[in-house]
């Protein structure tokens, strides 16, 4: 296995890392906003709308991370003849599609 994905860890380039962290920071802010809405007795439909936005943001985060994983770790493992990574990818996709 390459250095990029050795021991079930992956070194991320700074641009990828920053992009993922920025997304998570925005999601964290959205979740705090939902908590504040509860604290201030916001209307249920408004809270549900914000929860839906958080779910969409998490889905976008997963898409970005999954794309990076496929282009780096999965591709690298397949090139090296480690086809077990395909089963791992299928299992991951099945978890995402629940």
C-alpha atoms as a PDB file:
ATOM      1  CA  UNK A   1       0.000   0.000   0.000  1.00  0.00           C
ATOM      2  CA  UNK A   2       1.229   3.492  -0.739  1.00  0.00           C
ATOM      3  CA  UNK A   3       2.130   6.133   1.791  1.00  0.00           C
ATOM      4  CA  UNK A   4      -1.125   7.908   0.969  1.00  0.00           C
ATOM      5  CA  UNK A   5      -3.295   5.200   2.465  1.00  0.00           C
ATOM      6  CA  UNK A   6      -0.932   3.165   4.618  1.00  0.00           C
ATOM      7  CA  UNK A   7      -2.313   1.556   7.774  1.00  0.00           C
ATOM      8  CA  UNK A   8      -5.862   2.808   7.097  1.00  0.00           C
ATOM      9  CA  UNK A   9      -4.692   6.397   7.325  1.00  0.00           C
ATOM     10  CA  UNK A  10      -4.386   8.979   4.604  1.00  0.00           C
ATOM     11  CA  UNK A  11      -2.201  12.022   4.328  1.00  0.00           C
ATOM     12  CA  UNK A  12      -4.316  14.790   2.831  1.00  0.00           C
ATOM     13  CA  UNK A  13      -2.979  17.666   0.824  1.00  0.00           C
ATOM     14  CA  UNK A  14      -3.479  21.021   2.530  1.00  0.00           C
ATOM     15  CA  UNK A  15      -6.123  22.142   0.008  1.00  0.00           C
ATOM     16  CA  UNK A  16      -8.230  19.013   0.545  1.00  0.00           C
ATOM     17  CA  UNK A  17      -7.813  19.260   4.320  1.00  0.00           C
ATOM     18  CA  UNK A  18      -8.861  22.937   4.391  1.00  0.00           C
ATOM     19  CA  UNK A  19     -11.865  22.276   2.160  1.00  0.00           C
ATOM     20  CA  UNK A  20     -13.111  19.452   4.391  1.00  0.00           C
ATOM     21  CA  UNK A  21     -12.471  21.418   7.593  1.00  0.00           C
ATOM     22  CA  UNK A  22     -14.292  24.456   6.180  1.00  0.00           C
ATOM     23  CA  UNK A  23     -17.307  22.305   5.345  1.00  0.00           C
ATOM     24  CA  UNK A  24     -17.323  20.774   8.822  1.00  0.00           C
ATOM     25  CA  UNK A  25     -17.003  24.193  10.448  1.00  0.00           C
ATOM     26  CA  UNK A  26     -20.034  25.431   8.489  1.00  0.00           C
ATOM     27  CA  UNK A  27     -21.997  22.303   9.471  1.00  0.00           C
ATOM     28  CA  UNK A  28     -21.005  22.774  13.097  1.00  0.00           C
ATOM     29  CA  UNK A  29     -22.292  26.347  12.920  1.00  0.00           C
ATOM     30  CA  UNK A  30     -25.553  25.163  11.386  1.00  0.00           C
ATOM     31  CA  UNK A  31     -26.025  22.623  14.200  1.00  0.00           C
ATOM     32  CA  UNK A  32     -25.360  25.317  16.802  1.00  0.00           C
ATOM     33  CA  UNK A  33     -27.944  27.446  15.008  1.00  0.00           C
ATOM     34  CA  UNK A  34     -30.501  24.650  15.318  1.00  0.00           C
ATOM     35  CA  UNK A  35     -29.781  24.385  19.042  1.00  0.00           C
ATOM     36  CA  UNK A  36     -30.283  28.142  19.336  1.00  0.00           C
ATOM     37  CA  UNK A  37     -33.585  27.819  17.476  1.00  0.00           C
ATOM     38  CA  UNK A  38     -34.745  25.294  20.064  1.00  0.00           C
ATOM     39  CA  UNK A  39     -33.564  27.540  22.898  1.00  0.00           C
ATOM     40  CA  UNK A  40     -35.565  30.439  21.457  1.00  0.00           C
ATOM     41  CA  UNK A  41     -38.719  28.409  20.774  1.00  0.00           C
ATOM     42  CA  UNK A  42     -38.499  28.675  16.986  1.00  0.00           C
ATOM     43  CA  UNK A  43     -41.340  27.286  14.898  1.00  0.00           C
ATOM     44  CA  UNK A  44     -41.038  23.533  14.226  1.00  0.00           C
ATOM     45  CA  UNK A  45     -41.112  23.858  10.445  1.00  0.00           C
ATOM     46  CA  UNK A  46     -38.261  26.361  10.542  1.00  0.00           C
ATOM     47  CA  UNK A  47     -36.157  23.952  12.621  1.00  0.00           C
ATOM     48  CA  UNK A  48     -36.967  21.044  10.290  1.00  0.00           C
ATOM     49  CA  UNK A  49     -35.858  23.173   7.335  1.00  0.00           C
ATOM     50  CA  UNK A  50     -32.526  23.841   9.034  1.00  0.00           C
ATOM     51  CA  UNK A  51     -32.067  20.155   9.905  1.00  0.00           C
ATOM     52  CA  UNK A  52     -32.652  19.333   6.247  1.00  0.00           C
ATOM     53  CA  UNK A  53     -29.957  21.858   5.298  1.00  0.00           C
ATOM     54  CA  UNK A  54     -27.512  20.179   7.707  1.00  0.00           C
ATOM     55  CA  UNK A  55     -28.292  16.779   6.207  1.00  0.00           C
ATOM     56  CA  UNK A  56     -27.641  18.159   2.714  1.00  0.00           C
ATOM     57  CA  UNK A  57     -24.358  19.691   3.901  1.00  0.00           C
ATOM     58  CA  UNK A  58     -23.270  16.362   5.407  1.00  0.00           C
ATOM     59  CA  UNK A  59     -24.151  14.618   2.146  1.00  0.00           C
ATOM     60  CA  UNK A  60     -21.998  17.113   0.251  1.00  0.00           C
ATOM     61  CA  UNK A  61     -19.159  16.494   2.695  1.00  0.00           C
ATOM     62  CA  UNK A  62     -19.487  12.734   2.127  1.00  0.00           C
ATOM     63  CA  UNK A  63     -19.498  13.185  -1.659  1.00  0.00           C
ATOM     64  CA  UNK A  64     -16.289  15.222  -1.553  1.00  0.00           C
ATOM     65  CA  UNK A  65     -14.569  12.783   0.800  1.00  0.00           C
ATOM     66  CA  UNK A  66     -15.738   9.730  -1.139  1.00  0.00           C
ATOM     67  CA  UNK A  67     -14.548  11.201  -4.427  1.00  0.00           C
ATOM     68  CA  UNK A  68     -11.127  11.853  -2.955  1.00  0.00           C
ATOM     69  CA  UNK A  69     -11.013   8.341  -1.479  1.00  0.00           C
ATOM     70  CA  UNK A  70     -11.874   6.703  -4.803  1.00  0.00           C
ATOM     71  CA  UNK A  71      -9.371   8.798  -6.771  1.00  0.00           C
ATOM     72  CA  UNK A  72      -6.554   8.175  -4.333  1.00  0.00           C
ATOM     73  CA  UNK A  73      -6.752   5.189  -1.995  1.00  0.00           C
ATOM     74  CA  UNK A  74      -9.080   2.960  -4.024  1.00  0.00           C
ATOM     75  CA  UNK A  75      -7.323   3.608  -7.337  1.00  0.00           C
ATOM     76  CA  UNK A  76      -3.891   3.141  -5.743  1.00  0.00           C
ATOM     77  CA  UNK A  77      -4.893  -0.175  -4.150  1.00  0.00           C
ATOM     78  CA  UNK A  78      -6.389  -1.507  -7.380  1.00  0.00           C
ATOM     79  CA  UNK A  79      -3.225  -0.546  -9.290  1.00  0.00           C
ATOM     80  CA  UNK A  80      -1.233  -2.516  -6.703  1.00  0.00           C
ATOM     81  CA  UNK A  81      -3.489  -5.557  -7.133  1.00  0.00           C
ATOM     82  CA  UNK A  82      -5.341  -5.195  -3.836  1.00  0.00           C
ATOM     83  CA  UNK A  83      -8.886  -5.785  -5.010  1.00  0.00           C
ATOM     84  CA  UNK A  84     -10.156  -6.181  -1.427  1.00  0.00           C
ATOM     85  CA  UNK A  85     -10.511  -2.403  -1.460  1.00  0.00           C
ATOM     86  CA  UNK A  86     -13.455  -2.859  -3.839  1.00  0.00           C
ATOM     87  CA  UNK A  87     -15.371  -4.840  -1.208  1.00  0.00           C
ATOM     88  CA  UNK A  88     -14.575  -2.114   1.321  1.00  0.00           C
ATOM     89  CA  UNK A  89     -15.860   0.531  -1.096  1.00  0.00           C
ATOM     90  CA  UNK A  90     -19.068  -1.421  -1.731  1.00  0.00           C
ATOM     91  CA  UNK A  91     -19.648  -1.746   2.026  1.00  0.00           C
ATOM     92  CA  UNK A  92     -19.079   1.994   2.439  1.00  0.00           C
ATOM     93  CA  UNK A  93     -21.517   2.814  -0.349  1.00  0.00           C
ATOM     94  CA  UNK A  94     -24.121   0.524   1.202  1.00  0.00           C
ATOM     95  CA  UNK A  95     -23.779   2.420   4.510  1.00  0.00           C
ATOM     96  CA  UNK A  96     -24.254   5.718   2.694  1.00  0.00           C
ATOM     97  CA  UNK A  97     -27.403   4.472   0.963  1.00  0.00           C
ATOM     98  CA  UNK A  98     -29.274   3.475   4.115  1.00  0.00           C
END
